[in-house]
Protein backbone atom coordinates (compact mmCIF):
# COMPACT_ATOMS: atom_id res chain seq x y z
CA MET A 1 13.63 43.47 -57.95
CA ASN A 2 15.01 45.31 -55.00
CA ASN A 3 11.96 47.57 -54.88
CA LEU A 4 9.63 44.56 -54.91
CA ASN A 5 11.37 42.90 -51.91
CA SER A 6 11.37 46.09 -49.87
CA HIS A 7 7.69 46.64 -50.75
CA LYS A 8 6.81 43.09 -49.50
CA LYS A 9 8.74 43.69 -46.29
CA ALA A 10 6.94 46.98 -45.71
CA VAL A 11 3.51 45.39 -46.26
CA LEU A 12 4.34 42.52 -43.89
CA ALA A 13 5.60 44.95 -41.25
CA ILE A 14 2.44 47.05 -41.48
CA ALA A 15 0.25 43.90 -41.31
CA GLY A 16 2.15 42.72 -38.23
CA LEU A 17 1.76 46.11 -36.51
CA LEU A 18 -1.95 46.10 -37.35
CA VAL A 19 -2.45 42.61 -35.82
CA LEU A 20 -0.45 43.61 -32.76
CA SER A 21 -2.43 46.79 -32.21
CA LEU A 22 -5.76 44.98 -32.62
CA THR A 23 -4.76 42.34 -30.10
CA LEU A 24 -3.63 44.86 -27.52
CA SER A 25 -6.63 47.16 -27.90
CA SER A 26 -9.50 44.85 -28.72
CA CYS A 27 -13.09 45.81 -28.39
CA ASP A 28 -14.47 45.68 -24.83
CA SER A 29 -17.66 43.97 -25.94
CA LEU A 30 -15.64 41.24 -27.64
CA ARG A 31 -13.43 40.88 -24.56
CA GLN A 32 -16.50 40.64 -22.28
CA LYS A 33 -18.01 37.99 -24.49
CA PHE A 34 -15.12 35.61 -23.79
CA THR A 35 -14.52 36.51 -20.14
CA ARG A 36 -16.40 34.61 -17.43
CA LYS A 37 -17.83 36.50 -14.54
CA LYS A 38 -19.88 35.26 -11.63
CA LYS A 39 -23.49 36.23 -11.66
CA GLN A 40 -24.53 38.56 -8.86
CA GLY A 41 -27.25 36.29 -7.42
CA GLN A 42 -25.03 33.24 -7.36
CA GLU A 43 -22.97 34.43 -4.39
CA ASP A 44 -26.00 34.36 -2.10
CA GLN A 45 -27.02 30.88 -3.18
CA SER A 46 -23.70 29.23 -2.50
CA PHE A 47 -23.80 25.46 -2.08
CA VAL A 48 -23.14 24.24 1.44
CA PRO A 49 -22.82 20.45 1.64
CA VAL A 50 -24.44 18.75 4.58
CA LEU A 51 -22.21 15.98 5.83
CA GLU A 52 -24.05 13.13 7.42
CA PRO A 53 -21.99 10.92 9.67
CA GLU A 54 -21.49 7.46 8.29
CA GLU A 55 -21.56 4.59 10.71
CA TYR A 56 -18.63 2.30 10.12
CA PRO A 57 -18.79 -1.20 11.52
CA GLU A 58 -16.63 -1.83 14.55
CA PRO A 59 -13.64 -4.04 13.96
CA ALA A 60 -14.33 -7.63 14.74
CA LEU A 61 -13.68 -8.21 18.43
CA ASN A 62 -14.03 -11.93 18.09
CA PRO A 63 -10.65 -13.42 19.06
CA GLU A 64 -11.28 -16.63 17.17
CA PHE A 65 -12.10 -14.75 13.95
CA ASN A 66 -8.99 -12.55 14.29
CA TYR A 67 -6.86 -15.60 15.04
CA LYS A 68 -8.10 -17.38 11.92
CA GLU A 69 -7.48 -14.27 9.84
CA ASN A 70 -3.88 -13.94 11.06
CA TYR A 71 -3.37 -17.69 10.58
CA ALA A 72 -4.49 -17.41 6.94
CA LEU A 73 -2.17 -14.43 6.38
CA ILE A 74 0.77 -16.36 7.84
CA LYS A 75 0.03 -19.22 5.44
CA ALA A 76 0.05 -16.76 2.52
CA TRP A 77 3.35 -15.21 3.62
CA TYR A 78 4.72 -18.74 4.13
CA ALA A 79 3.97 -19.54 0.48
CA ASP A 80 5.74 -16.31 -0.54
CA MET A 81 8.74 -17.36 1.56
CA TRP A 82 9.06 -20.62 -0.39
CA THR A 83 8.80 -18.71 -3.64
CA ALA A 84 11.54 -16.35 -2.44
CA ILE A 85 13.80 -19.32 -1.69
CA ASP A 86 13.17 -20.87 -5.10
CA ASP A 87 13.69 -17.56 -6.93
CA LYS A 88 16.69 -16.59 -4.78
CA SER A 89 15.08 -13.25 -3.97
CA THR A 90 16.90 -10.39 -2.30
CA ALA A 91 17.63 -10.50 1.41
CA ARG A 92 15.63 -7.31 1.89
CA TYR A 93 12.46 -8.90 0.47
CA ILE A 94 12.90 -12.07 2.53
CA HIS A 95 13.49 -9.98 5.65
CA TYR A 96 10.23 -8.16 4.88
CA ILE A 97 8.36 -11.48 4.61
CA ILE A 98 9.80 -12.72 7.90
CA THR A 99 8.86 -9.43 9.58
CA GLN A 100 5.29 -9.76 8.32
CA VAL A 101 5.04 -13.34 9.62
CA THR A 102 6.39 -12.39 13.04
CA ASN A 103 4.00 -9.41 13.21
CA HIS A 104 1.06 -11.72 12.62
CA ILE A 105 2.37 -14.14 15.23
CA THR A 106 2.63 -11.25 17.71
CA GLN A 107 -0.97 -10.25 16.97
CA MET A 108 -2.06 -13.85 17.54
CA GLU A 109 -0.32 -13.93 20.94
CA ASN A 110 -2.78 -11.34 22.27
CA LEU A 111 -5.72 -13.56 21.34
CA VAL A 112 -4.80 -16.75 23.21
CA ASP A 113 -3.86 -17.91 26.71
CA ALA A 114 -0.33 -18.41 28.09
CA PRO A 115 0.37 -22.04 26.98
CA THR A 116 -0.64 -21.24 23.42
CA GLN A 117 1.43 -18.05 23.53
CA ALA A 118 4.46 -20.21 24.34
CA ASN A 119 3.75 -22.28 21.24
CA LEU A 120 3.54 -19.11 19.15
CA VAL A 121 6.92 -17.96 20.49
CA LYS A 122 8.33 -21.36 19.57
CA LEU A 123 6.81 -20.98 16.10
CA ALA A 124 8.57 -17.64 15.62
CA GLY A 125 11.81 -19.32 16.73
CA PHE A 126 11.80 -21.50 13.61
CA LEU A 127 12.51 -18.37 11.57
CA ASP A 128 15.48 -17.20 13.66
CA TYR A 129 18.13 -19.09 11.70
CA TYR A 130 16.70 -17.90 8.42
CA ARG A 131 16.66 -14.30 9.63
CA SER A 132 20.27 -14.52 10.86
CA SER A 133 21.47 -16.10 7.60
CA LEU A 134 20.16 -13.21 5.49
CA ASP A 135 23.43 -11.33 5.99
CA ASP A 136 25.28 -14.09 4.10
CA SER A 137 25.30 -14.52 0.34
CA TRP A 138 23.11 -17.20 -1.25
CA GLN A 139 26.11 -19.49 -1.63
CA ALA A 140 27.03 -19.21 2.06
CA ARG A 141 23.50 -19.88 3.35
CA ASN A 142 22.64 -23.34 4.56
CA VAL A 143 19.57 -23.74 2.34
CA SER A 144 18.91 -27.31 3.48
CA ARG A 145 18.68 -26.14 7.12
CA ILE A 146 16.41 -23.27 6.08
CA ARG A 147 14.16 -25.65 4.14
CA SER A 148 13.94 -28.08 7.05
CA ASP A 149 13.15 -25.24 9.48
CA LEU A 150 10.39 -24.00 7.18
CA ILE A 151 8.93 -27.49 6.86
CA GLU A 152 8.99 -27.81 10.66
CA PHE A 153 7.41 -24.34 10.91
CA ASP A 154 4.51 -25.48 8.73
CA ARG A 155 4.14 -28.82 10.51
CA PHE A 156 4.16 -27.20 13.96
CA MET A 157 1.62 -24.63 12.84
CA ARG A 158 -0.71 -27.31 11.43
CA ASP A 159 -0.37 -29.69 14.36
CA HIS A 160 -0.47 -27.27 17.29
CA LEU A 161 -1.81 -23.87 16.26
CA ARG A 162 -4.77 -24.39 13.96
CA ALA A 163 -7.91 -22.72 15.29
CA ASP A 164 -9.72 -26.04 15.71
CA LYS A 165 -6.76 -27.44 17.70
CA ILE A 166 -6.69 -24.60 20.22
CA GLN A 167 -10.45 -24.35 20.74
CA GLY A 168 -11.05 -23.14 24.28
CA HIS A 169 -7.69 -21.35 24.56
CA PHE A 170 -8.91 -18.01 23.23
CA VAL A 171 -9.09 -15.02 25.55
CA LYS A 172 -12.56 -13.69 26.34
CA SER A 173 -11.93 -10.04 25.54
CA ILE A 174 -9.20 -8.43 23.47
CA ARG A 175 -9.68 -4.86 24.67
């Protein structure tokens, strides 16, 4: 029994050494068959892409179009603000929404004349209390005041700052 086990171990050891030696010293033709090499003529015919300039359209310089676009974005952020109030979202998210709204209001100020700019500043003022109350917890915030300010924000925007209401107050050039 002992002889049979030692014989099996010897055969396995020899088979392992044979596999190891074949792997380390394999035939060059077999190694070349599975090794990729670049063809000699391919280096001269290398592909060089020709980049053609693509003409991108200029951004719209129409103040009325840009005003309407910012107005629509403010309305979308306004809807998100109401959702944030109803869901009691985090102060960080609400602060982000208010920042986005005020950024759009600032962009709109460059598109209109001075009296309309004053109305836009007044519009941004409706969000001041809400922004200052974000440091408080939800229980300490005066939600009824915030809701009334947001309703007044929407009403003032509809009544005074719609594009059809301020027709003729757009600047001629925005550059």
